Amino acid sequence: MAAHFLVLMERRGITELRWFLLPGFCGGLGTFSAITYEVIERDQGGPLYLFLNVFLCIVAVAVALPLSRKFIPVRT
């Protein structure tokens, strides 16, 4: 979702605001404290959870960015 938002802002020429808006938007999707809790807390996720979380997030962005760039038109 954040990748779609990034591309939409890029295509609409809202590059000045992205550094202000994206950290809050992306931070709302998954916070560092929640991931840390899941990794450290006993009987939760552990290191495998951390690895999968980071890996799958990178995969999601790698898939979403090209799709967003393909389907969101450039504003002229």
N, C-alpha and C. Protein backbone atom coordinates (compact mmCIF):
# COMPACT_ATOMS: atom_id res chain seq x y z
N MET A 1 0.82 -1.19 0.00
CA MET A 1 0.00 0.00 0.00
C MET A 1 0.86 1.25 0.00
N ALA A 2 1.91 1.27 0.79
CA ALA A 2 2.78 2.44 0.84
C ALA A 2 3.47 2.66 -0.49
N ALA A 3 3.82 1.57 -1.19
CA ALA A 3 4.46 1.71 -2.50
C ALA A 3 3.51 2.36 -3.49
N HIS A 4 2.23 2.00 -3.43
CA HIS A 4 1.24 2.62 -4.32
C HIS A 4 1.13 4.12 -4.01
N PHE A 5 1.13 4.45 -2.75
CA PHE A 5 1.04 5.84 -2.32
C PHE A 5 2.26 6.62 -2.80
N LEU A 6 3.45 6.03 -2.69
CA LEU A 6 4.68 6.67 -3.13
C LEU A 6 4.64 6.95 -4.62
N VAL A 7 4.24 5.97 -5.41
CA VAL A 7 4.17 6.15 -6.86
C VAL A 7 3.10 7.17 -7.22
N LEU A 8 1.96 7.14 -6.56
CA LEU A 8 0.90 8.10 -6.83
C LEU A 8 1.40 9.52 -6.58
N MET A 9 2.09 9.73 -5.49
CA MET A 9 2.65 11.06 -5.20
C MET A 9 3.70 11.44 -6.23
N GLU A 10 4.52 10.49 -6.62
CA GLU A 10 5.56 10.73 -7.63
C GLU A 10 4.93 11.13 -8.96
N ARG A 11 3.89 10.41 -9.37
CA ARG A 11 3.24 10.67 -10.65
C ARG A 11 2.43 11.96 -10.64
N ARG A 12 1.96 12.37 -9.50
CA ARG A 12 1.16 13.59 -9.41
C ARG A 12 2.01 14.83 -9.14
N GLY A 13 3.33 14.62 -9.02
CA GLY A 13 4.22 15.76 -8.81
C GLY A 13 4.25 16.28 -7.39
N ILE A 14 3.92 15.45 -6.43
CA ILE A 14 3.91 15.87 -5.02
C ILE A 14 5.19 15.39 -4.35
N THR A 15 6.32 15.70 -4.95
CA THR A 15 7.58 15.18 -4.41
C THR A 15 8.03 15.91 -3.15
N GLU A 16 7.61 17.17 -2.97
CA GLU A 16 8.03 17.93 -1.79
C GLU A 16 7.42 17.39 -0.51
N LEU A 17 6.22 16.84 -0.60
CA LEU A 17 5.52 16.38 0.59
C LEU A 17 5.81 14.94 0.97
N ARG A 18 6.42 14.17 0.07
CA ARG A 18 6.56 12.75 0.36
C ARG A 18 7.42 12.47 1.58
N TRP A 19 8.43 13.28 1.84
CA TRP A 19 9.28 13.04 3.02
C TRP A 19 8.54 13.39 4.30
N PHE A 20 7.50 14.20 4.19
CA PHE A 20 6.68 14.54 5.35
C PHE A 20 5.58 13.49 5.57
N LEU A 21 4.94 13.04 4.48
CA LEU A 21 3.78 12.16 4.59
C LEU A 21 4.14 10.68 4.72
N LEU A 22 5.13 10.21 3.99
CA LEU A 22 5.42 8.78 3.96
C LEU A 22 5.88 8.17 5.28
N PRO A 23 6.74 8.83 6.06
CA PRO A 23 7.11 8.19 7.32
C PRO A 23 5.92 7.93 8.23
N GLY A 24 4.98 8.84 8.32
CA GLY A 24 3.79 8.63 9.13
C GLY A 24 2.89 7.55 8.55
N PHE A 25 2.73 7.56 7.25
CA PHE A 25 1.87 6.58 6.58
C PHE A 25 2.48 5.19 6.71
N CYS A 26 3.75 5.07 6.38
CA CYS A 26 4.41 3.76 6.47
C CYS A 26 4.56 3.31 7.92
N GLY A 27 4.80 4.25 8.81
CA GLY A 27 4.94 3.92 10.22
C GLY A 27 3.66 3.36 10.80
N GLY A 28 2.53 3.78 10.24
CA GLY A 28 1.24 3.28 10.71
C GLY A 28 1.01 1.83 10.31
N LEU A 29 1.67 1.37 9.26
CA LEU A 29 1.47 0.00 8.78
C LEU A 29 2.20 -1.03 9.63
N GLY A 30 3.27 -0.67 10.21
CA GLY A 30 4.01 -1.63 11.04
C GLY A 30 5.09 -0.91 11.81
N THR A 31 4.99 -0.88 13.11
CA THR A 31 5.94 -0.11 13.90
C THR A 31 7.10 -0.97 14.37
N PHE A 32 8.21 -0.30 14.58
CA PHE A 32 9.41 -0.99 15.05
C PHE A 32 9.18 -1.63 16.41
N SER A 33 8.45 -0.96 17.26
CA SER A 33 8.23 -1.50 18.61
C SER A 33 7.41 -2.79 18.57
N ALA A 34 6.45 -2.87 17.68
CA ALA A 34 5.64 -4.09 17.58
C ALA A 34 6.47 -5.26 17.08
N ILE A 35 7.31 -5.02 16.10
CA ILE A 35 8.16 -6.08 15.57
C ILE A 35 9.17 -6.52 16.64
N THR A 36 9.73 -5.55 17.34
CA THR A 36 10.70 -5.87 18.40
C THR A 36 10.04 -6.72 19.48
N TYR A 37 8.84 -6.36 19.86
CA TYR A 37 8.12 -7.14 20.87
C TYR A 37 7.90 -8.57 20.40
N GLU A 38 7.48 -8.74 19.16
CA GLU A 38 7.22 -10.08 18.62
C GLU A 38 8.50 -10.91 18.55
N VAL A 39 9.63 -10.28 18.32
CA VAL A 39 10.90 -11.01 18.23
C VAL A 39 11.42 -11.38 19.61
N ILE A 40 11.34 -10.46 20.54
CA ILE A 40 11.95 -10.66 21.86
C ILE A 40 11.05 -11.46 22.80
N GLU A 41 9.75 -11.23 22.75
CA GLU A 41 8.83 -11.89 23.68
C GLU A 41 8.85 -13.40 23.49
N ARG A 42 8.94 -14.10 24.59
CA ARG A 42 8.94 -15.56 24.56
C ARG A 42 7.65 -16.09 23.97
N ASP A 43 7.73 -17.16 23.28
CA ASP A 43 6.57 -17.82 22.66
C ASP A 43 5.86 -16.96 21.62
N GLN A 44 6.56 -16.01 21.06
CA GLN A 44 5.96 -15.21 19.98
C GLN A 44 6.64 -15.63 18.67
N GLY A 45 7.39 -14.74 18.05
CA GLY A 45 7.93 -15.02 16.73
C GLY A 45 9.38 -15.46 16.71
N GLY A 46 10.21 -14.75 17.42
CA GLY A 46 11.63 -15.05 17.42
C GLY A 46 12.35 -14.52 16.19
N PRO A 47 13.61 -14.89 16.03
CA PRO A 47 14.41 -14.40 14.91
C PRO A 47 13.84 -14.78 13.53
N LEU A 48 13.22 -15.93 13.42
CA LEU A 48 12.64 -16.32 12.14
C LEU A 48 11.53 -15.35 11.75
N TYR A 49 10.74 -14.93 12.71
CA TYR A 49 9.68 -13.94 12.46
C TYR A 49 10.29 -12.64 11.94
N LEU A 50 11.37 -12.19 12.57
CA LEU A 50 12.02 -10.96 12.13
C LEU A 50 12.51 -11.10 10.70
N PHE A 51 13.19 -12.19 10.39
CA PHE A 51 13.70 -12.41 9.05
C PHE A 51 12.56 -12.43 8.03
N LEU A 52 11.51 -13.19 8.32
CA LEU A 52 10.39 -13.27 7.38
C LEU A 52 9.68 -11.93 7.23
N ASN A 53 9.55 -11.20 8.30
CA ASN A 53 8.90 -9.90 8.25
C ASN A 53 9.67 -8.96 7.31
N VAL A 54 10.97 -8.85 7.51
CA VAL A 54 11.78 -7.96 6.68
C VAL A 54 11.81 -8.47 5.23
N PHE A 55 12.03 -9.75 5.05
CA PHE A 55 12.12 -10.33 3.71
C PHE A 55 10.81 -10.15 2.93
N LEU A 56 9.70 -10.47 3.56
CA LEU A 56 8.41 -10.36 2.86
C LEU A 56 8.02 -8.91 2.60
N CYS A 57 8.43 -8.00 3.45
CA CYS A 57 8.18 -6.58 3.19
C CYS A 57 8.97 -6.11 1.97
N ILE A 58 10.21 -6.55 1.85
CA ILE A 58 11.02 -6.20 0.68
C ILE A 58 10.41 -6.80 -0.58
N VAL A 59 9.95 -8.02 -0.50
CA VAL A 59 9.30 -8.66 -1.65
C VAL A 59 8.04 -7.89 -2.03
N ALA A 60 7.25 -7.50 -1.05
CA ALA A 60 6.01 -6.76 -1.32
C ALA A 60 6.30 -5.44 -2.03
N VAL A 61 7.32 -4.73 -1.60
CA VAL A 61 7.68 -3.47 -2.26
C VAL A 61 8.22 -3.73 -3.66
N ALA A 62 9.02 -4.78 -3.81
CA ALA A 62 9.58 -5.11 -5.14
C ALA A 62 8.48 -5.47 -6.13
N VAL A 63 7.37 -6.00 -5.66
CA VAL A 63 6.25 -6.34 -6.54
C VAL A 63 5.34 -5.12 -6.75
N ALA A 64 5.08 -4.37 -5.68
CA ALA A 64 4.11 -3.27 -5.75
C ALA A 64 4.61 -2.06 -6.53
N LEU A 65 5.89 -1.72 -6.42
CA LEU A 65 6.39 -0.55 -7.13
C LEU A 65 6.26 -0.68 -8.65
N PRO A 66 6.72 -1.75 -9.25
CA PRO A 66 6.54 -1.86 -10.71
C PRO A 66 5.08 -1.89 -11.13
N LEU A 67 4.23 -2.57 -10.37
CA LEU A 67 2.81 -2.60 -10.71
C LEU A 67 2.19 -1.21 -10.61
N SER A 68 2.55 -0.48 -9.57
CA SER A 68 2.02 0.87 -9.41
C SER A 68 2.49 1.77 -10.55
N ARG A 69 3.75 1.66 -10.91
CA ARG A 69 4.27 2.48 -12.01
C ARG A 69 3.62 2.11 -13.34
N LYS A 70 3.18 0.88 -13.46
CA LYS A 70 2.54 0.45 -14.70
C LYS A 70 1.10 0.98 -14.79
N PHE A 71 0.37 0.97 -13.69
CA PHE A 71 -1.05 1.28 -13.73
C PHE A 71 -1.42 2.72 -13.35
N ILE A 72 -0.54 3.44 -12.68
CA ILE A 72 -0.84 4.84 -12.33
C ILE A 72 -0.21 5.73 -13.38
N PRO A 73 -1.03 6.47 -14.13
CA PRO A 73 -0.50 7.30 -15.22
C PRO A 73 0.28 8.51 -14.69
N VAL A 74 1.22 8.95 -15.51
CA VAL A 74 2.00 10.15 -15.19
C VAL A 74 1.14 11.37 -15.51
N ARG A 75 1.06 12.28 -14.59
CA ARG A 75 0.30 13.50 -14.81
C ARG A 75 1.14 14.46 -15.64
N THR A 76 0.57 14.98 -16.67
CA THR A 76 1.32 15.92 -17.53
C THR A 76 0.85 17.33 -17.36
